[in-house]
């Protein structure tokens, strides 16, 4: 199928010399090829979506574990310090009530 597609694209003269029956067969095969490409793409997209959801679920469970662990051990300040060093996006830092990066950088510059 791919060979026929390449032949027709690279050598249009050959395609024009085919009889009508052969051209029809080639066109039908090309249509089937397009349908198959679309099906493959759909399946690949579904799998990628499943992988992303699984990865997100793992992150939630890991976060839940550490949050519970630090709460049980009364070490939330320690967790906050870890997150303070790890997080760089302002929106993420706000979730933990952390100062923005610019004020931290200014403090570090003074040292």
N, C-alpha and C. Protein backbone atom coordinates (compact mmCIF):
# COMPACT_ATOMS: atom_id res chain seq x y z
N UNK A 1 0.83 -1.20 0.00
CA UNK A 1 0.00 0.00 0.00
C UNK A 1 0.86 1.25 0.00
N UNK A 2 1.85 1.26 0.86
CA UNK A 2 2.73 2.41 0.94
C UNK A 2 3.52 2.55 -0.36
N UNK A 3 3.92 1.43 -0.92
CA UNK A 3 4.66 1.45 -2.18
C UNK A 3 3.81 2.07 -3.27
N UNK A 4 2.54 1.67 -3.36
CA UNK A 4 1.65 2.23 -4.37
C UNK A 4 1.49 3.73 -4.17
N UNK A 5 1.38 4.14 -2.94
CA UNK A 5 1.23 5.55 -2.64
C UNK A 5 2.47 6.31 -3.09
N UNK A 6 3.65 5.77 -2.83
CA UNK A 6 4.89 6.41 -3.24
C UNK A 6 5.00 6.45 -4.76
N UNK A 7 4.61 5.38 -5.40
CA UNK A 7 4.68 5.33 -6.86
C UNK A 7 3.79 6.41 -7.46
N UNK A 8 2.56 6.52 -6.96
CA UNK A 8 1.64 7.49 -7.53
C UNK A 8 2.08 8.92 -7.24
N UNK A 9 2.74 9.14 -6.09
CA UNK A 9 3.19 10.49 -5.77
C UNK A 9 4.45 10.86 -6.54
N UNK A 10 5.35 9.90 -6.70
CA UNK A 10 6.62 10.22 -7.34
C UNK A 10 6.56 10.11 -8.85
N UNK A 11 5.64 9.33 -9.35
CA UNK A 11 5.59 9.13 -10.79
C UNK A 11 4.13 9.21 -11.25
N UNK A 12 3.60 10.42 -11.34
CA UNK A 12 2.21 10.61 -11.74
C UNK A 12 1.93 10.09 -13.14
N UNK A 13 2.95 10.06 -13.98
CA UNK A 13 2.76 9.55 -15.34
C UNK A 13 2.33 8.10 -15.30
N UNK A 14 2.97 7.33 -14.45
CA UNK A 14 2.61 5.92 -14.32
C UNK A 14 1.16 5.78 -13.88
N UNK A 15 0.75 6.61 -12.95
CA UNK A 15 -0.62 6.57 -12.45
C UNK A 15 -1.62 6.87 -13.56
N UNK A 16 -1.29 7.80 -14.40
CA UNK A 16 -2.19 8.16 -15.50
C UNK A 16 -2.27 7.09 -16.58
N UNK A 17 -1.26 6.26 -16.70
CA UNK A 17 -1.28 5.19 -17.71
C UNK A 17 -2.00 3.93 -17.23
N UNK A 18 -2.35 3.91 -15.95
CA UNK A 18 -3.08 2.74 -15.44
C UNK A 18 -4.49 2.73 -16.04
N UNK A 19 -5.00 1.52 -16.23
CA UNK A 19 -6.38 1.47 -16.70
C UNK A 19 -7.31 1.84 -15.54
N UNK A 20 -8.54 2.13 -15.85
CA UNK A 20 -9.50 2.62 -14.85
C UNK A 20 -9.66 1.64 -13.70
N UNK A 21 -9.73 0.38 -13.99
CA UNK A 21 -9.90 -0.65 -12.97
C UNK A 21 -8.74 -0.62 -11.97
N UNK A 22 -7.52 -0.51 -12.47
CA UNK A 22 -6.34 -0.48 -11.61
C UNK A 22 -6.33 0.80 -10.78
N UNK A 23 -6.67 1.94 -11.42
CA UNK A 23 -6.73 3.21 -10.68
C UNK A 23 -7.76 3.14 -9.56
N UNK A 24 -8.91 2.52 -9.85
CA UNK A 24 -9.95 2.38 -8.82
C UNK A 24 -9.46 1.54 -7.65
N UNK A 25 -8.75 0.46 -7.98
CA UNK A 25 -8.21 -0.40 -6.92
C UNK A 25 -7.22 0.37 -6.05
N UNK A 26 -6.37 1.14 -6.72
CA UNK A 26 -5.37 1.93 -5.98
C UNK A 26 -6.07 2.95 -5.09
N UNK A 27 -7.07 3.60 -5.62
CA UNK A 27 -7.81 4.60 -4.84
C UNK A 27 -8.50 3.96 -3.63
N UNK A 28 -9.09 2.80 -3.82
CA UNK A 28 -9.74 2.10 -2.70
C UNK A 28 -8.72 1.72 -1.64
N UNK A 29 -7.57 1.26 -2.08
CA UNK A 29 -6.52 0.91 -1.12
C UNK A 29 -6.03 2.13 -0.35
N UNK A 30 -5.92 3.25 -1.05
CA UNK A 30 -5.51 4.49 -0.38
C UNK A 30 -6.54 4.92 0.65
N UNK A 31 -7.82 4.77 0.31
CA UNK A 31 -8.88 5.11 1.26
C UNK A 31 -8.80 4.22 2.50
N UNK A 32 -8.58 2.93 2.27
CA UNK A 32 -8.44 1.99 3.40
C UNK A 32 -7.23 2.36 4.24
N UNK A 33 -6.16 2.76 3.55
CA UNK A 33 -4.95 3.14 4.26
C UNK A 33 -5.22 4.35 5.17
N UNK A 34 -5.96 5.31 4.68
CA UNK A 34 -6.28 6.49 5.48
C UNK A 34 -7.15 6.12 6.69
N UNK A 35 -8.10 5.22 6.48
CA UNK A 35 -8.95 4.76 7.58
C UNK A 35 -8.10 4.05 8.63
N UNK A 36 -7.18 3.22 8.18
CA UNK A 36 -6.31 2.50 9.11
C UNK A 36 -5.39 3.46 9.87
N UNK A 37 -4.88 4.47 9.18
CA UNK A 37 -4.04 5.47 9.85
C UNK A 37 -4.83 6.17 10.95
N UNK A 38 -6.08 6.52 10.65
CA UNK A 38 -6.92 7.19 11.64
C UNK A 38 -7.20 6.27 12.83
N UNK A 39 -7.44 5.01 12.56
CA UNK A 39 -7.68 4.05 13.66
C UNK A 39 -6.44 3.90 14.53
N UNK A 40 -5.30 3.80 13.89
CA UNK A 40 -4.04 3.67 14.63
C UNK A 40 -3.84 4.90 15.51
N UNK A 41 -4.06 6.08 14.95
CA UNK A 41 -3.90 7.31 15.71
C UNK A 41 -4.85 7.35 16.91
N UNK A 42 -6.07 6.92 16.71
CA UNK A 42 -7.06 6.90 17.79
C UNK A 42 -6.61 5.97 18.91
N UNK A 43 -6.14 4.79 18.56
CA UNK A 43 -5.68 3.81 19.56
C UNK A 43 -4.46 4.37 20.31
N UNK A 44 -3.52 4.96 19.56
CA UNK A 44 -2.33 5.53 20.20
C UNK A 44 -2.70 6.65 21.16
N UNK A 45 -3.64 7.50 20.74
CA UNK A 45 -4.08 8.60 21.61
C UNK A 45 -4.75 8.09 22.88
N UNK A 46 -5.54 7.04 22.75
CA UNK A 46 -6.19 6.45 23.94
C UNK A 46 -5.14 5.92 24.91
N UNK A 47 -4.14 5.25 24.38
CA UNK A 47 -3.08 4.69 25.24
C UNK A 47 -2.30 5.80 25.93
N UNK A 48 -1.99 6.86 25.20
CA UNK A 48 -1.27 7.98 25.80
C UNK A 48 -2.10 8.61 26.92
N UNK A 49 -3.39 8.72 26.69
CA UNK A 49 -4.29 9.27 27.70
C UNK A 49 -4.31 8.39 28.95
N UNK A 50 -4.37 7.09 28.75
CA UNK A 50 -4.33 6.15 29.89
C UNK A 50 -3.04 6.31 30.67
N UNK A 51 -1.92 6.44 29.96
CA UNK A 51 -0.62 6.59 30.61
C UNK A 51 -0.56 7.87 31.43
N UNK A 52 -1.08 8.97 30.86
CA UNK A 52 -1.08 10.25 31.59
C UNK A 52 -1.95 10.15 32.85
N UNK A 53 -3.11 9.51 32.73
CA UNK A 53 -3.99 9.36 33.90
C UNK A 53 -3.33 8.51 34.97
N UNK A 54 -2.66 7.45 34.56
CA UNK A 54 -1.96 6.58 35.51
C UNK A 54 -0.83 7.35 36.21
N UNK A 55 -0.09 8.13 35.43
CA UNK A 55 1.00 8.93 36.00
C UNK A 55 0.45 9.95 37.01
N UNK A 56 -0.64 10.58 36.68
CA UNK A 56 -1.27 11.55 37.58
C UNK A 56 -1.73 10.85 38.86
N UNK A 57 -2.33 9.69 38.72
CA UNK A 57 -2.80 8.92 39.88
C UNK A 57 -1.63 8.56 40.79
N UNK A 58 -0.50 8.16 40.20
CA UNK A 58 0.69 7.83 40.99
C UNK A 58 1.16 9.04 41.79
N UNK A 59 1.18 10.20 41.14
CA UNK A 59 1.63 11.41 41.81
C UNK A 59 0.71 11.76 42.97
N UNK A 60 -0.57 11.60 42.77
CA UNK A 60 -1.54 11.89 43.84
C UNK A 60 -1.31 10.95 45.02
N UNK A 61 -1.12 9.68 44.74
CA UNK A 61 -0.92 8.70 45.81
C UNK A 61 0.40 8.95 46.56
N UNK A 62 1.44 9.28 45.83
CA UNK A 62 2.72 9.58 46.47
C UNK A 62 2.59 10.81 47.36
N UNK A 63 1.95 11.84 46.82
CA UNK A 63 1.74 13.07 47.60
C UNK A 63 0.90 12.80 48.83
N UNK A 64 -0.14 11.99 48.68
CA UNK A 64 -1.00 11.65 49.81
C UNK A 64 -0.21 10.92 50.90
N UNK A 65 0.63 9.99 50.47
CA UNK A 65 1.45 9.24 51.42
C UNK A 65 2.34 10.19 52.23
N UNK A 66 3.07 11.06 51.55
CA UNK A 66 4.00 11.94 52.25
C UNK A 66 3.27 12.97 53.11
N UNK A 67 2.15 13.46 52.64
CA UNK A 67 1.37 14.41 53.43
C UNK A 67 0.91 13.75 54.73
N UNK A 68 0.39 12.54 54.63
CA UNK A 68 -0.06 11.82 55.82
C UNK A 68 1.11 11.51 56.75
N UNK A 69 2.24 11.10 56.17
CA UNK A 69 3.43 10.76 56.96
C UNK A 69 3.92 11.97 57.75
N UNK A 70 4.06 13.10 57.09
CA UNK A 70 4.57 14.30 57.78
C UNK A 70 3.57 14.83 58.80
N UNK A 71 2.27 14.66 58.53
CA UNK A 71 1.27 15.07 59.51
C UNK A 71 1.33 14.19 60.75
N UNK A 72 1.44 12.87 60.56
CA UNK A 72 1.50 11.94 61.70
C UNK A 72 2.72 12.20 62.56
N UNK A 73 3.84 12.53 61.91
CA UNK A 73 5.09 12.75 62.63
C UNK A 73 5.24 14.19 63.11
N UNK A 74 4.18 14.99 62.95
CA UNK A 74 4.21 16.41 63.34
C UNK A 74 5.43 17.13 62.74
N UNK A 75 5.67 16.87 61.47
CA UNK A 75 6.81 17.48 60.78
C UNK A 75 6.37 18.27 59.55
N UNK A 76 5.25 18.93 59.64
CA UNK A 76 4.75 19.69 58.50
C UNK A 76 5.69 20.83 58.12
N UNK A 77 6.39 21.39 59.12
CA UNK A 77 7.36 22.45 58.83
C UNK A 77 8.48 21.90 57.94
N UNK A 78 8.89 20.67 58.22
CA UNK A 78 9.94 20.04 57.42
C UNK A 78 9.45 19.83 55.98
N UNK A 79 8.22 19.39 55.81
CA UNK A 79 7.65 19.21 54.48
C UNK A 79 7.54 20.55 53.76
N UNK A 80 7.15 21.57 54.49
CA UNK A 80 7.04 22.90 53.89
C UNK A 80 8.42 23.40 53.42
N UNK A 81 9.46 23.11 54.19
CA UNK A 81 10.82 23.49 53.80
C UNK A 81 11.25 22.75 52.52
N UNK A 82 10.90 21.48 52.45
CA UNK A 82 11.22 20.69 51.26
C UNK A 82 10.51 21.28 50.03
N UNK A 83 9.24 21.57 50.20
CA UNK A 83 8.47 22.13 49.08
C UNK A 83 8.96 23.52 48.72
N UNK A 84 9.40 24.28 49.69
CA UNK A 84 9.94 25.61 49.44
C UNK A 84 11.15 25.54 48.51
N UNK A 85 11.98 24.53 48.71
CA UNK A 85 13.17 24.36 47.85
C UNK A 85 12.80 23.80 46.48
N UNK A 86 11.76 22.98 46.44
CA UNK A 86 11.40 22.28 45.21
C UNK A 86 10.57 23.12 44.25
N UNK A 87 9.61 23.85 44.76
CA UNK A 87 8.64 24.54 43.90
C UNK A 87 9.20 25.85 43.37
N UNK A 88 8.93 26.10 42.08
CA UNK A 88 9.38 27.35 41.48
C UNK A 88 8.23 28.17 40.91
N UNK A 89 7.17 27.53 40.48
CA UNK A 89 6.03 28.26 39.91
C UNK A 89 5.24 28.95 41.02
N UNK A 90 4.90 30.19 40.78
CA UNK A 90 4.18 30.98 41.78
C UNK A 90 2.85 30.33 42.17
N UNK A 91 2.12 29.83 41.19
CA UNK A 91 0.81 29.22 41.50
C UNK A 91 0.97 27.99 42.39
N UNK A 92 2.04 27.23 42.20
CA UNK A 92 2.30 26.06 43.04
C UNK A 92 2.71 26.48 44.45
N UNK A 93 3.51 27.52 44.53
CA UNK A 93 3.98 28.00 45.83
C UNK A 93 2.82 28.53 46.66
N UNK A 94 1.85 29.15 46.01
CA UNK A 94 0.69 29.69 46.74
C UNK A 94 -0.12 28.58 47.40
N UNK A 95 -0.16 27.41 46.78
CA UNK A 95 -0.89 26.27 47.35
C UNK A 95 -0.36 25.94 48.74
N UNK A 96 0.94 26.12 48.95
CA UNK A 96 1.56 25.80 50.24
C UNK A 96 1.79 27.04 51.10
N UNK A 97 1.28 28.17 50.63
CA UNK A 97 1.44 29.41 51.40
C UNK A 97 2.88 29.87 51.47
N UNK A 98 3.65 29.59 50.43
CA UNK A 98 5.07 29.96 50.40
C UNK A 98 5.24 31.33 49.75
N UNK A 99 6.29 32.03 50.18
CA UNK A 99 6.60 33.33 49.58
C UNK A 99 6.96 33.13 48.12
N UNK A 100 6.78 34.19 47.33
CA UNK A 100 7.13 34.06 45.91
C UNK A 100 8.65 33.98 45.75
N UNK A 101 9.07 33.49 44.61
CA UNK A 101 10.50 33.26 44.35
C UNK A 101 11.32 34.54 44.38
N UNK A 102 10.76 35.63 43.95
CA UNK A 102 11.54 36.87 43.89
C UNK A 102 11.98 37.31 45.27
N UNK A 103 11.12 37.16 46.28
CA UNK A 103 11.52 37.56 47.62
C UNK A 103 12.55 36.59 48.19
N UNK A 104 12.48 35.32 47.83
CA UNK A 104 13.49 34.34 48.28
C UNK A 104 14.83 34.64 47.64
N UNK A 105 14.81 34.93 46.34
CA UNK A 105 16.06 35.25 45.64
C UNK A 105 16.72 36.50 46.21
N UNK A 106 15.91 37.50 46.60
CA UNK A 106 16.46 38.72 47.20
C UNK A 106 17.13 38.40 48.54
N UNK A 107 16.48 37.52 49.32
CA UNK A 107 17.05 37.12 50.61
C UNK A 107 18.37 36.38 50.40
N UNK A 108 18.41 35.50 49.41
CA UNK A 108 19.62 34.73 49.12
C UNK A 108 20.74 35.66 48.63
N UNK A 109 20.39 36.71 47.89
CA UNK A 109 21.39 37.64 47.39
C UNK A 109 22.05 38.42 48.53
N UNK A 110 21.27 38.67 49.61
CA UNK A 110 21.79 39.42 50.74
C UNK A 110 22.83 38.62 51.53
N UNK A 111 22.71 37.28 51.47
CA UNK A 111 23.60 36.41 52.27
C UNK A 111 24.96 36.34 51.72
